[in-house]
C-alpha atoms as a PDB file:
ATOM      1  CA  UNK A   1     136.499 111.954 155.325  1.00  0.00           C
ATOM      2  CA  UNK A   2     137.673 108.764 157.024  1.00  0.00           C
ATOM      3  CA  UNK A   3     140.861 107.163 155.741  1.00  0.00           C
ATOM      4  CA  UNK A   4     140.062 104.186 153.543  1.00  0.00           C
ATOM      5  CA  UNK A   5     141.857 100.840 153.741  1.00  0.00           C
ATOM      6  CA  UNK A   6     143.691  99.132 150.939  1.00  0.00           C
ATOM      7  CA  UNK A   7     141.330  96.567 149.442  1.00  0.00           C
ATOM      8  CA  UNK A   8     141.481  93.409 147.383  1.00  0.00           C
ATOM      9  CA  UNK A   9     138.477  92.345 145.364  1.00  0.00           C
ATOM     10  CA  UNK A  10     138.048  88.570 145.351  1.00  0.00           C
ATOM     11  CA  UNK A  11     136.466  86.975 142.275  1.00  0.00           C
ATOM     12  CA  UNK A  12     134.266  83.917 141.885  1.00  0.00           C
ATOM     13  CA  UNK A  13     137.266  82.220 140.267  1.00  0.00           C
ATOM     14  CA  UNK A  14     139.205  82.873 143.494  1.00  0.00           C
ATOM     15  CA  UNK A  15     136.343  81.404 145.517  1.00  0.00           C
ATOM     16  CA  UNK A  16     136.235  78.247 143.386  1.00  0.00           C
ATOM     17  CA  UNK A  17     139.980  77.806 143.746  1.00  0.00           C
ATOM     18  CA  UNK A  18     139.825  78.238 147.517  1.00  0.00           C
ATOM     19  CA  UNK A  19     136.929  75.779 147.814  1.00  0.00           C
ATOM     20  CA  UNK A  20     138.807  73.193 145.741  1.00  0.00           C
ATOM     21  CA  UNK A  21     141.914  73.590 147.889  1.00  0.00           C
ATOM     22  CA  UNK A  22     139.963  73.330 151.136  1.00  0.00           C
ATOM     23  CA  UNK A  23     138.126  70.230 149.934  1.00  0.00           C
ATOM     24  CA  UNK A  24     141.389  68.580 148.920  1.00  0.00           C
ATOM     25  CA  UNK A  25     142.937  69.252 152.331  1.00  0.00           C
ATOM     26  CA  UNK A  26     139.859  68.059 154.205  1.00  0.00           C
ATOM     27  CA  UNK A  27     139.648  64.830 152.187  1.00  0.00           C
ATOM     28  CA  UNK A  28     143.354  64.309 152.783  1.00  0.00           C
ATOM     29  CA  UNK A  29     142.695  63.905 156.507  1.00  0.00           C
ATOM     30  CA  UNK A  30     140.358  60.931 156.082  1.00  0.00           C
ATOM     31  CA  UNK A  31     136.606  60.765 156.581  1.00  0.00           C
ATOM     32  CA  UNK A  32     134.784  64.056 155.982  1.00  0.00           C
ATOM     33  CA  UNK A  33     132.911  65.729 158.859  1.00  0.00           C
ATOM     34  CA  UNK A  34     129.346  64.689 159.682  1.00  0.00           C
ATOM     35  CA  UNK A  35     128.068  68.253 159.781  1.00  0.00           C
ATOM     36  CA  UNK A  36     129.166  71.606 158.410  1.00  0.00           C
ATOM     37  CA  UNK A  37     128.514  74.714 160.480  1.00  0.00           C
ATOM     38  CA  UNK A  38     128.359  77.821 158.318  1.00  0.00           C
ATOM     39  CA  UNK A  39     129.216  81.047 160.112  1.00  0.00           C
ATOM     40  CA  UNK A  40     126.723  83.432 158.629  1.00  0.00           C
ATOM     41  CA  UNK A  41     126.678  85.544 156.841  1.00  0.00           C
ATOM     42  CA  UNK A  42     130.193  85.425 155.365  1.00  0.00           C
ATOM     43  CA  UNK A  43     130.740  81.688 155.665  1.00  0.00           C
ATOM     44  CA  UNK A  44     127.478  80.577 154.099  1.00  0.00           C
ATOM     45  CA  UNK A  45     128.602  80.436 150.456  1.00  0.00           C
ATOM     46  CA  UNK A  46     131.920  78.655 151.230  1.00  0.00           C
ATOM     47  CA  UNK A  47     129.964  76.190 153.387  1.00  0.00           C
ATOM     48  CA  UNK A  48     127.632  75.300 150.527  1.00  0.00           C
ATOM     49  CA  UNK A  49     130.541  74.922 148.117  1.00  0.00           C
ATOM     50  CA  UNK A  50     132.335  72.601 150.532  1.00  0.00           C
ATOM     51  CA  UNK A  51     129.170  70.593 151.116  1.00  0.00           C
ATOM     52  CA  UNK A  52     129.015  69.930 147.392  1.00  0.00           C
ATOM     53  CA  UNK A  53     132.691  69.024 147.116  1.00  0.00           C
ATOM     54  CA  UNK A  54     133.173  66.747 150.133  1.00  0.00           C
ATOM     55  CA  UNK A  55     129.704  65.204 150.187  1.00  0.00           C
ATOM     56  CA  UNK A  56     128.629  66.364 153.649  1.00  0.00           C
ATOM     57  CA  UNK A  57     124.945  67.089 153.209  1.00  0.00           C
ATOM     58  CA  UNK A  58     124.118  68.042 156.783  1.00  0.00           C
ATOM     59  CA  UNK A  59     124.573  71.816 157.065  1.00  0.00           C
ATOM     60  CA  UNK A  60     123.575  74.141 159.904  1.00  0.00           C
ATOM     61  CA  UNK A  61     124.173  77.834 160.471  1.00  0.00           C
ATOM     62  CA  UNK A  62     125.429  79.961 163.345  1.00  0.00           C
ATOM     63  CA  UNK A  63     125.124  83.713 162.987  1.00  0.00           C
ATOM     64  CA  UNK A  64     127.937  85.766 164.450  1.00  0.00           C
ATOM     65  CA  UNK A  65     128.198  89.507 163.957  1.00  0.00           C
ATOM     66  CA  UNK A  66     131.084  91.910 164.342  1.00  0.00           C
ATOM     67  CA  UNK A  67     130.189  95.353 165.561  1.00  0.00           C
ATOM     68  CA  UNK A  68     131.948  98.117 163.689  1.00  0.00           C
ATOM     69  CA  UNK A  69     132.427  99.316 160.152  1.00  0.00           C
ATOM     70  CA  UNK A  70     133.920  97.783 157.071  1.00  0.00           C
ATOM     71  CA  UNK A  71     137.702  97.608 157.096  1.00  0.00           C
ATOM     72  CA  UNK A  72     138.359  97.781 160.804  1.00  0.00           C
ATOM     73  CA  UNK A  73     140.875  94.959 161.460  1.00  0.00           C
ATOM     74  CA  UNK A  74     139.731  94.496 165.063  1.00  0.00           C
ATOM     75  CA  UNK A  75     136.566  94.243 167.079  1.00  0.00           C
ATOM     76  CA  UNK A  76     134.382  92.025 169.193  1.00  0.00           C
ATOM     77  CA  UNK A  77     132.098  89.282 167.937  1.00  0.00           C
ATOM     78  CA  UNK A  78     128.704  88.221 169.253  1.00  0.00           C
ATOM     79  CA  UNK A  79     126.389  85.294 168.535  1.00  0.00           C
ATOM     80  CA  UNK A  80     123.117  86.789 167.300  1.00  0.00           C
ATOM     81  CA  UNK A  81     121.406  83.564 166.158  1.00  0.00           C
ATOM     82  CA  UNK A  82     122.065  80.169 167.732  1.00  0.00           C
ATOM     83  CA  UNK A  83     122.813  76.976 165.817  1.00  0.00           C
ATOM     84  CA  UNK A  84     119.989  76.178 163.417  1.00  0.00           C
ATOM     85  CA  UNK A  85     120.272  72.444 164.096  1.00  0.00           C
ATOM     86  CA  UNK A  86     121.808  69.955 166.543  1.00  0.00           C
ATOM     87  CA  UNK A  87     125.506  69.072 166.446  1.00  0.00           C
ATOM     88  CA  UNK A  88     125.624  66.782 169.486  1.00  0.00           C
ATOM     89  CA  UNK A  89     127.547  63.599 168.791  1.00  0.00           C
ATOM     90  CA  UNK A  90     128.675  64.775 165.352  1.00  0.00           C
ATOM     91  CA  UNK A  91     132.115  65.554 163.954  1.00  0.00           C
ATOM     92  CA  UNK A  92     131.674  69.225 163.119  1.00  0.00           C
ATOM     93  CA  UNK A  93     133.563  71.475 160.721  1.00  0.00           C
ATOM     94  CA  UNK A  94     132.970  75.212 161.141  1.00  0.00           C
ATOM     95  CA  UNK A  95     133.374  77.211 157.928  1.00  0.00           C
ATOM     96  CA  UNK A  96     133.919  80.950 157.461  1.00  0.00           C
ATOM     97  CA  UNK A  97     135.171  83.067 154.583  1.00  0.00           C
ATOM     98  CA  UNK A  98     138.152  84.534 156.451  1.00  0.00           C
ATOM     99  CA  UNK A  99     140.038  84.221 159.731  1.00  0.00           C
ATOM    100  CA  UNK A 100     141.059  87.855 160.204  1.00  0.00           C
ATOM    101  CA  UNK A 101     140.778  88.730 163.871  1.00  0.00           C
ATOM    102  CA  UNK A 102     139.779  85.108 164.476  1.00  0.00           C
ATOM    103  CA  UNK A 103     137.004  86.234 166.814  1.00  0.00           C
ATOM    104  CA  UNK A 104     134.181  84.648 164.830  1.00  0.00           C
ATOM    105  CA  UNK A 105     135.786  81.225 164.473  1.00  0.00           C
ATOM    106  CA  UNK A 106     136.952  81.251 168.089  1.00  0.00           C
ATOM    107  CA  UNK A 107     133.462  82.038 169.339  1.00  0.00           C
ATOM    108  CA  UNK A 108     131.879  79.526 166.957  1.00  0.00           C
ATOM    109  CA  UNK A 109     134.234  76.770 168.113  1.00  0.00           C
ATOM    110  CA  UNK A 110     133.326  77.428 171.740  1.00  0.00           C
ATOM    111  CA  UNK A 111     129.595  77.377 170.952  1.00  0.00           C
ATOM    112  CA  UNK A 112     129.707  74.186 168.860  1.00  0.00           C
ATOM    113  CA  UNK A 113     131.795  72.390 171.493  1.00  0.00           C
ATOM    114  CA  UNK A 114     129.392  73.551 174.210  1.00  0.00           C
ATOM    115  CA  UNK A 115     126.485  72.104 172.255  1.00  0.00           C
ATOM    116  CA  UNK A 116     128.015  68.638 172.352  1.00  0.00           C
ATOM    117  CA  UNK A 117     129.882  68.104 169.087  1.00  0.00           C
ATOM    118  CA  UNK A 118     132.064  64.994 169.169  1.00  0.00           C
ATOM    119  CA  UNK A 119     134.925  66.925 167.577  1.00  0.00           C
ATOM    120  CA  UNK A 120     135.287  70.461 166.241  1.00  0.00           C
ATOM    121  CA  UNK A 121     137.516  71.616 163.388  1.00  0.00           C
ATOM    122  CA  UNK A 122     137.586  74.943 161.561  1.00  0.00           C
ATOM    123  CA  UNK A 123     138.077  76.025 157.958  1.00  0.00           C
ATOM    124  CA  UNK A 124     138.434  79.367 156.191  1.00  0.00           C
ATOM    125  CA  UNK A 125     139.176  80.433 152.654  1.00  0.00           C
ATOM    126  CA  UNK A 126     141.724  82.969 153.925  1.00  0.00           C
ATOM    127  CA  UNK A 127     143.865  83.058 157.056  1.00  0.00           C
ATOM    128  CA  UNK A 128     145.527  86.306 158.169  1.00  0.00           C
ATOM    129  CA  UNK A 129     148.537  85.564 160.370  1.00  0.00           C
ATOM    130  CA  UNK A 130     147.446  87.949 163.129  1.00  0.00           C
ATOM    131  CA  UNK A 131     144.287  85.896 163.741  1.00  0.00           C
ATOM    132  CA  UNK A 132     143.877  84.661 167.324  1.00  0.00           C
ATOM    133  CA  UNK A 133     142.819  81.292 165.883  1.00  0.00           C
ATOM    134  CA  UNK A 134     144.636  79.320 163.195  1.00  0.00           C
ATOM    135  CA  UNK A 135     142.021  77.373 161.220  1.00  0.00           C
ATOM    136  CA  UNK A 136     142.441  73.620 160.965  1.00  0.00           C
ATOM    137  CA  UNK A 137     142.181  74.097 157.202  1.00  0.00           C
ATOM    138  CA  UNK A 138     142.733  77.207 155.109  1.00  0.00           C
ATOM    139  CA  UNK A 139     143.197  77.772 151.403  1.00  0.00           C
ATOM    140  CA  UNK A 140     145.441  80.841 151.423  1.00  0.00           C
ATOM    141  CA  UNK A 141     147.635  82.442 154.078  1.00  0.00           C
ATOM    142  CA  UNK A 142     148.186  86.206 154.116  1.00  0.00           C
ATOM    143  CA  UNK A 143     150.919  87.707 156.262  1.00  0.00           C
ATOM    144  CA  UNK A 144     149.703  90.320 158.720  1.00  0.00           C
ATOM    145  CA  UNK A 145     152.071  92.876 157.152  1.00  0.00           C
ATOM    146  CA  UNK A 146     150.106  92.543 153.889  1.00  0.00           C
ATOM    147  CA  UNK A 147     146.660  92.979 155.451  1.00  0.00           C
ATOM    148  CA  UNK A 148     144.034  94.411 153.136  1.00  0.00           C
ATOM    149  CA  UNK A 149     140.266  94.427 153.349  1.00  0.00           C
ATOM    150  CA  UNK A 150     138.980  91.515 151.262  1.00  0.00           C
ATOM    151  CA  UNK A 151     135.843  92.280 149.282  1.00  0.00           C
ATOM    152  CA  UNK A 152     134.136  88.933 148.710  1.00  0.00           C
ATOM    153  CA  UNK A 153     131.597  88.566 145.871  1.00  0.00           C
ATOM    154  CA  UNK A 154     128.782  87.972 148.375  1.00  0.00           C
ATOM    155  CA  UNK A 155     129.613  91.177 150.233  1.00  0.00           C
ATOM    156  CA  UNK A 156     130.405  93.438 147.286  1.00  0.00           C
ATOM    157  CA  UNK A 157     127.493  95.865 147.487  1.00  0.00           C
ATOM    158  CA  UNK A 158     127.534  96.171 151.257  1.00  0.00           C
ATOM    159  CA  UNK A 159     131.270  96.870 151.330  1.00  0.00           C
ATOM    160  CA  UNK A 160     131.066  99.296 148.417  1.00  0.00           C
ATOM    161  CA  UNK A 161     128.214 101.173 150.082  1.00  0.00           C
ATOM    162  CA  UNK A 162     130.219 101.516 153.300  1.00  0.00           C
ATOM    163  CA  UNK A 163     133.386 102.594 151.504  1.00  0.00           C
ATOM    164  CA  UNK A 164     131.539 105.177 149.412  1.00  0.00           C
ATOM    165  CA  UNK A 165     129.906 106.643 152.513  1.00  0.00           C
ATOM    166  CA  UNK A 166     133.290 106.859 154.231  1.00  0.00           C
ATOM    167  CA  UNK A 167     134.751 108.914 151.393  1.00  0.00           C
ATOM    168  CA  UNK A 168     132.349 111.728 152.256  1.00  0.00           C
ATOM    169  CA  UNK A 169     132.482 112.703 148.587  1.00  0.00           C
ATOM    170  CA  UNK A 170     129.686 114.940 147.265  1.00  0.00           C
ATOM    171  CA  UNK A 171     129.470 113.148 143.892  1.00  0.00           C
ATOM    172  CA  UNK A 172     129.946 109.589 142.622  1.00  0.00           C
ATOM    173  CA  UNK A 173     132.786 110.782 140.385  1.00  0.00           C
ATOM    174  CA  UNK A 174     134.719 112.198 143.327  1.00  0.00           C
ATOM    175  CA  UNK A 175     134.009 109.055 145.340  1.00  0.00           C
ATOM    176  CA  UNK A 176     135.435 106.968 142.490  1.00  0.00           C
ATOM    177  CA  UNK A 177     138.646 109.011 142.483  1.00  0.00           C
ATOM    178  CA  UNK A 178     139.095 108.683 146.250  1.00  0.00           C
ATOM    179  CA  UNK A 179     138.351 104.960 146.178  1.00  0.00           C
ATOM    180  CA  UNK A 180     140.890 104.428 143.419  1.00  0.00           C
ATOM    181  CA  UNK A 181     143.587 106.454 145.171  1.00  0.00           C
ATOM    182  CA  UNK A 182     143.114 105.027 148.657  1.00  0.00           C
ATOM    183  CA  UNK A 183     141.668 101.523 148.299  1.00  0.00           C
ATOM    184  CA  UNK A 184     143.545 100.582 145.142  1.00  0.00           C
ATOM    185  CA  UNK A 185     140.398  99.127 143.545  1.00  0.00           C
ATOM    186  CA  UNK A 186     138.816 100.578 140.402  1.00  0.00           C
ATOM    187  CA  UNK A 187     135.088 100.399 141.051  1.00  0.00           C
ATOM    188  CA  UNK A 188     132.752 100.996 138.071  1.00  0.00           C
ATOM    189  CA  UNK A 189     131.104 104.405 138.212  1.00  0.00           C
ATOM    190  CA  UNK A 190     127.685 102.811 137.647  1.00  0.00           C
ATOM    191  CA  UNK A 191     128.161 100.670 140.761  1.00  0.00           C
ATOM    192  CA  UNK A 192     129.202 103.682 142.818  1.00  0.00           C
ATOM    193  CA  UNK A 193     126.214 105.635 141.558  1.00  0.00           C
ATOM    194  CA  UNK A 194     123.933 102.759 142.527  1.00  0.00           C
ATOM    195  CA  UNK A 195     124.979 102.877 146.191  1.00  0.00           C
ATOM    196  CA  UNK A 196     125.579 106.606 146.466  1.00  0.00           C
ATOM    197  CA  UNK A 197     123.780 108.066 149.516  1.00  0.00           C
ATOM    198  CA  UNK A 198     120.365 109.366 148.510  1.00  0.00           C
ATOM    199  CA  UNK A 199     120.676 112.390 150.780  1.00  0.00           C
ATOM    200  CA  UNK A 200     124.192 113.390 149.752  1.00  0.00           C
ATOM    201  CA  UNK A 201     124.595 116.869 148.219  1.00  0.00           C
ATOM    202  CA  UNK A 202     124.898 116.542 144.446  1.00  0.00           C
ATOM    203  CA  UNK A 203     127.057 118.959 142.490  1.00  0.00           C
ATOM    204  CA  UNK A 204     125.697 120.669 139.390  1.00  0.00           C
ATOM    205  CA  UNK A 205     126.079 118.340 136.440  1.00  0.00           C
ATOM    206  CA  UNK A 206     126.618 115.255 138.612  1.00  0.00           C
ATOM    207  CA  UNK A 207     125.619 111.916 137.143  1.00  0.00           C
ATOM    208  CA  UNK A 208     121.902 111.284 137.673  1.00  0.00           C
ATOM    209  CA  UNK A 209     120.510 107.975 138.861  1.00  0.00           C
ATOM    210  CA  UNK A 210     118.923 105.651 136.364  1.00  0.00           C
ATOM    211  CA  UNK A 211     115.227 104.966 136.828  1.00  0.00           C
ATOM    212  CA  UNK A 212     115.698 101.436 138.160  1.00  0.00           C
ATOM    213  CA  UNK A 213     117.961 102.422 141.095  1.00  0.00           C
END
């Protein structure tokens, strides 16, 4: 069994609060950007929320992936899909959900600048102080000594699936106990059962899957 990280489960109320705070700080600097660049996949929802709040309707995506497993606070980033639209001559704001290692935002800033943006700023809901890049705008700062793995609403099932697999538990009930003890988050047993590995050994009397899962 791999050691699990401490986790924090973000809610949609958290996301709304972060988006409001980001929008307020962006508007406070004058004219809004001409184009928003959403770092997908994690930055796509915050990008859309900011688009609505600050009135920037031009939105493009840039897909950047980290190679590794959930809850590894380090790792390289790689562009896997180029910008979905032109940014040349525009004032661009790159948006991601979190600046943790800072690799994604750093790489995105380089790519957007290379493609001819007039100016490039960055925004993130959360900024961890060990990030190699400090976003131009962020809604909440988290000291590196308090690092936890943030489970965003748009990544809930993927993160839960990875965490459950890392417990190595033979039953959903045992996985729930390990997750509670190590991650600090109380996941519903029905959710754990939904993502439980199909080929995992099941103990006698273990909870059976419902027919729609």
